């Protein structure tokens, strides 16, 4: 049986009208490898984009917890620069905070 855990996929994005405006779209969900996580993130993004372009409601989270919310019209995903790895909850008491207090 595959080992399923929660993964994070970080995809750089840029505004097509103003390419200097950049950001990061983050997907999270259950997968058994970074490659599977990247594939699922791309699948849910493609489904959400198709629904948005058709004037339909963007689908919610799927049973494996993957979903694409917060799509920004005019922003392009840079899938070739996407990274995937295990998700580390920034609010966990066992995770050292990246934020200075």
C-alpha atoms as a PDB file:
ATOM      1  CA  UNK A   1       0.000   0.000   0.000  1.00  0.00           C
ATOM      2  CA  UNK A   2       1.447   3.405  -0.938  1.00  0.00           C
ATOM      3  CA  UNK A   3       2.454   5.846   1.764  1.00  0.00           C
ATOM      4  CA  UNK A   4       0.066   8.800   1.477  1.00  0.00           C
ATOM      5  CA  UNK A   5       0.948  12.113   3.078  1.00  0.00           C
ATOM      6  CA  UNK A   6       0.077  15.767   2.597  1.00  0.00           C
ATOM      7  CA  UNK A   7       2.176  17.542  -0.013  1.00  0.00           C
ATOM      8  CA  UNK A   8       2.601  21.183  -0.960  1.00  0.00           C
ATOM      9  CA  UNK A   9       3.081  22.284  -4.560  1.00  0.00           C
ATOM     10  CA  UNK A  10       4.428  25.822  -5.025  1.00  0.00           C
ATOM     11  CA  UNK A  11       3.911  27.290  -8.498  1.00  0.00           C
ATOM     12  CA  UNK A  12       5.427  30.674  -9.385  1.00  0.00           C
ATOM     13  CA  UNK A  13       2.946  32.975 -11.150  1.00  0.00           C
ATOM     14  CA  UNK A  14       3.176  36.280 -12.997  1.00  0.00           C
ATOM     15  CA  UNK A  15       0.726  38.883 -14.256  1.00  0.00           C
ATOM     16  CA  UNK A  16       0.574  38.671 -18.051  1.00  0.00           C
ATOM     17  CA  UNK A  17      -0.200  42.410 -18.304  1.00  0.00           C
ATOM     18  CA  UNK A  18       2.675  43.375 -15.986  1.00  0.00           C
ATOM     19  CA  UNK A  19       5.236  40.529 -15.900  1.00  0.00           C
ATOM     20  CA  UNK A  20       7.218  42.223 -13.136  1.00  0.00           C
ATOM     21  CA  UNK A  21       4.303  41.421 -10.801  1.00  0.00           C
ATOM     22  CA  UNK A  22       5.049  37.973  -9.495  1.00  0.00           C
ATOM     23  CA  UNK A  23       3.680  35.663  -6.858  1.00  0.00           C
ATOM     24  CA  UNK A  24       3.252  32.067  -5.780  1.00  0.00           C
ATOM     25  CA  UNK A  25       0.193  29.843  -5.971  1.00  0.00           C
ATOM     26  CA  UNK A  26       0.244  27.087  -3.345  1.00  0.00           C
ATOM     27  CA  UNK A  27      -1.653  23.813  -3.658  1.00  0.00           C
ATOM     28  CA  UNK A  28      -1.887  21.180  -0.925  1.00  0.00           C
ATOM     29  CA  UNK A  29      -3.323  17.682  -0.871  1.00  0.00           C
ATOM     30  CA  UNK A  30      -2.722  14.003  -0.278  1.00  0.00           C
ATOM     31  CA  UNK A  31      -0.342  12.107  -2.571  1.00  0.00           C
ATOM     32  CA  UNK A  32       2.179   9.305  -2.425  1.00  0.00           C
ATOM     33  CA  UNK A  33       5.093  11.183  -4.009  1.00  0.00           C
ATOM     34  CA  UNK A  34       6.192  14.665  -5.083  1.00  0.00           C
ATOM     35  CA  UNK A  35       5.576  13.696  -8.731  1.00  0.00           C
ATOM     36  CA  UNK A  36       2.012  12.585  -7.945  1.00  0.00           C
ATOM     37  CA  UNK A  37       1.432  15.804  -5.990  1.00  0.00           C
ATOM     38  CA  UNK A  38       2.598  17.918  -8.918  1.00  0.00           C
ATOM     39  CA  UNK A  39       0.356  15.954 -11.293  1.00  0.00           C
ATOM     40  CA  UNK A  40      -2.706  16.377  -9.035  1.00  0.00           C
ATOM     41  CA  UNK A  41      -2.075  20.108  -8.567  1.00  0.00           C
ATOM     42  CA  UNK A  42      -1.897  20.561 -12.332  1.00  0.00           C
ATOM     43  CA  UNK A  43      -5.070  18.482 -12.837  1.00  0.00           C
ATOM     44  CA  UNK A  44      -7.157  20.454 -10.339  1.00  0.00           C
ATOM     45  CA  UNK A  45      -5.820  23.740 -11.719  1.00  0.00           C
ATOM     46  CA  UNK A  46      -6.748  22.724 -15.280  1.00  0.00           C
ATOM     47  CA  UNK A  47     -10.258  21.716 -14.147  1.00  0.00           C
ATOM     48  CA  UNK A  48     -10.745  24.951 -12.192  1.00  0.00           C
ATOM     49  CA  UNK A  49      -9.488  27.088 -15.081  1.00  0.00           C
ATOM     50  CA  UNK A  50     -11.804  25.310 -17.549  1.00  0.00           C
ATOM     51  CA  UNK A  51     -14.783  25.860 -15.227  1.00  0.00           C
ATOM     52  CA  UNK A  52     -13.878  29.525 -14.709  1.00  0.00           C
ATOM     53  CA  UNK A  53     -13.496  30.125 -18.459  1.00  0.00           C
ATOM     54  CA  UNK A  54     -16.870  28.447 -19.081  1.00  0.00           C
ATOM     55  CA  UNK A  55     -18.517  30.737 -16.541  1.00  0.00           C
ATOM     56  CA  UNK A  56     -19.096  27.882 -14.101  1.00  0.00           C
ATOM     57  CA  UNK A  57     -18.351  27.699 -10.412  1.00  0.00           C
ATOM     58  CA  UNK A  58     -14.803  26.555  -9.654  1.00  0.00           C
ATOM     59  CA  UNK A  59     -14.931  23.014  -8.217  1.00  0.00           C
ATOM     60  CA  UNK A  60     -14.244  22.641  -4.503  1.00  0.00           C
ATOM     61  CA  UNK A  61     -11.787  20.290  -2.886  1.00  0.00           C
ATOM     62  CA  UNK A  62     -11.753  16.749  -4.205  1.00  0.00           C
ATOM     63  CA  UNK A  63     -11.889  13.669  -1.921  1.00  0.00           C
ATOM     64  CA  UNK A  64      -8.070  13.542  -1.856  1.00  0.00           C
ATOM     65  CA  UNK A  65      -8.146  17.162  -0.576  1.00  0.00           C
ATOM     66  CA  UNK A  66      -6.740  18.739  -3.765  1.00  0.00           C
ATOM     67  CA  UNK A  67      -8.490  21.821  -5.102  1.00  0.00           C
ATOM     68  CA  UNK A  68      -7.754  25.126  -6.800  1.00  0.00           C
ATOM     69  CA  UNK A  69      -9.187  28.228  -5.205  1.00  0.00           C
ATOM     70  CA  UNK A  70      -8.250  31.851  -5.681  1.00  0.00           C
ATOM     71  CA  UNK A  71      -7.515  31.715  -9.404  1.00  0.00           C
ATOM     72  CA  UNK A  72      -6.528  35.126 -10.692  1.00  0.00           C
ATOM     73  CA  UNK A  73      -7.571  36.016 -14.238  1.00  0.00           C
ATOM     74  CA  UNK A  74      -4.587  37.360 -16.161  1.00  0.00           C
ATOM     75  CA  UNK A  75      -2.026  35.518 -14.040  1.00  0.00           C
ATOM     76  CA  UNK A  76      -0.059  32.717 -15.643  1.00  0.00           C
ATOM     77  CA  UNK A  77       1.265  29.649 -13.854  1.00  0.00           C
ATOM     78  CA  UNK A  78       4.922  28.756 -14.403  1.00  0.00           C
ATOM     79  CA  UNK A  79       4.527  24.990 -14.130  1.00  0.00           C
ATOM     80  CA  UNK A  80       8.092  24.271 -15.300  1.00  0.00           C
ATOM     81  CA  UNK A  81       9.359  26.054 -12.153  1.00  0.00           C
ATOM     82  CA  UNK A  82       6.914  24.339  -9.767  1.00  0.00           C
ATOM     83  CA  UNK A  83       8.274  22.480  -6.748  1.00  0.00           C
ATOM     84  CA  UNK A  84       6.645  19.770  -4.649  1.00  0.00           C
ATOM     85  CA  UNK A  85       7.482  18.347  -1.252  1.00  0.00           C
ATOM     86  CA  UNK A  86       5.952  17.274   2.039  1.00  0.00           C
ATOM     87  CA  UNK A  87       3.765  19.952   3.595  1.00  0.00           C
ATOM     88  CA  UNK A  88       4.945  21.312   6.924  1.00  0.00           C
ATOM     89  CA  UNK A  89       2.197  23.005   8.901  1.00  0.00           C
ATOM     90  CA  UNK A  90       3.545  26.456   9.835  1.00  0.00           C
ATOM     91  CA  UNK A  91       1.209  26.510  12.851  1.00  0.00           C
ATOM     92  CA  UNK A  92       2.361  23.193  14.265  1.00  0.00           C
ATOM     93  CA  UNK A  93       3.958  23.289  17.696  1.00  0.00           C
ATOM     94  CA  UNK A  94       6.658  20.945  16.332  1.00  0.00           C
ATOM     95  CA  UNK A  95       7.576  23.293  13.472  1.00  0.00           C
ATOM     96  CA  UNK A  96       9.991  26.133  14.047  1.00  0.00           C
ATOM     97  CA  UNK A  97       8.351  29.356  12.901  1.00  0.00           C
ATOM     98  CA  UNK A  98       9.727  31.241   9.903  1.00  0.00           C
ATOM     99  CA  UNK A  99       8.343  34.430  11.398  1.00  0.00           C
ATOM    100  CA  UNK A 100      10.140  36.558  13.940  1.00  0.00           C
ATOM    101  CA  UNK A 101       8.073  37.384  16.986  1.00  0.00           C
END
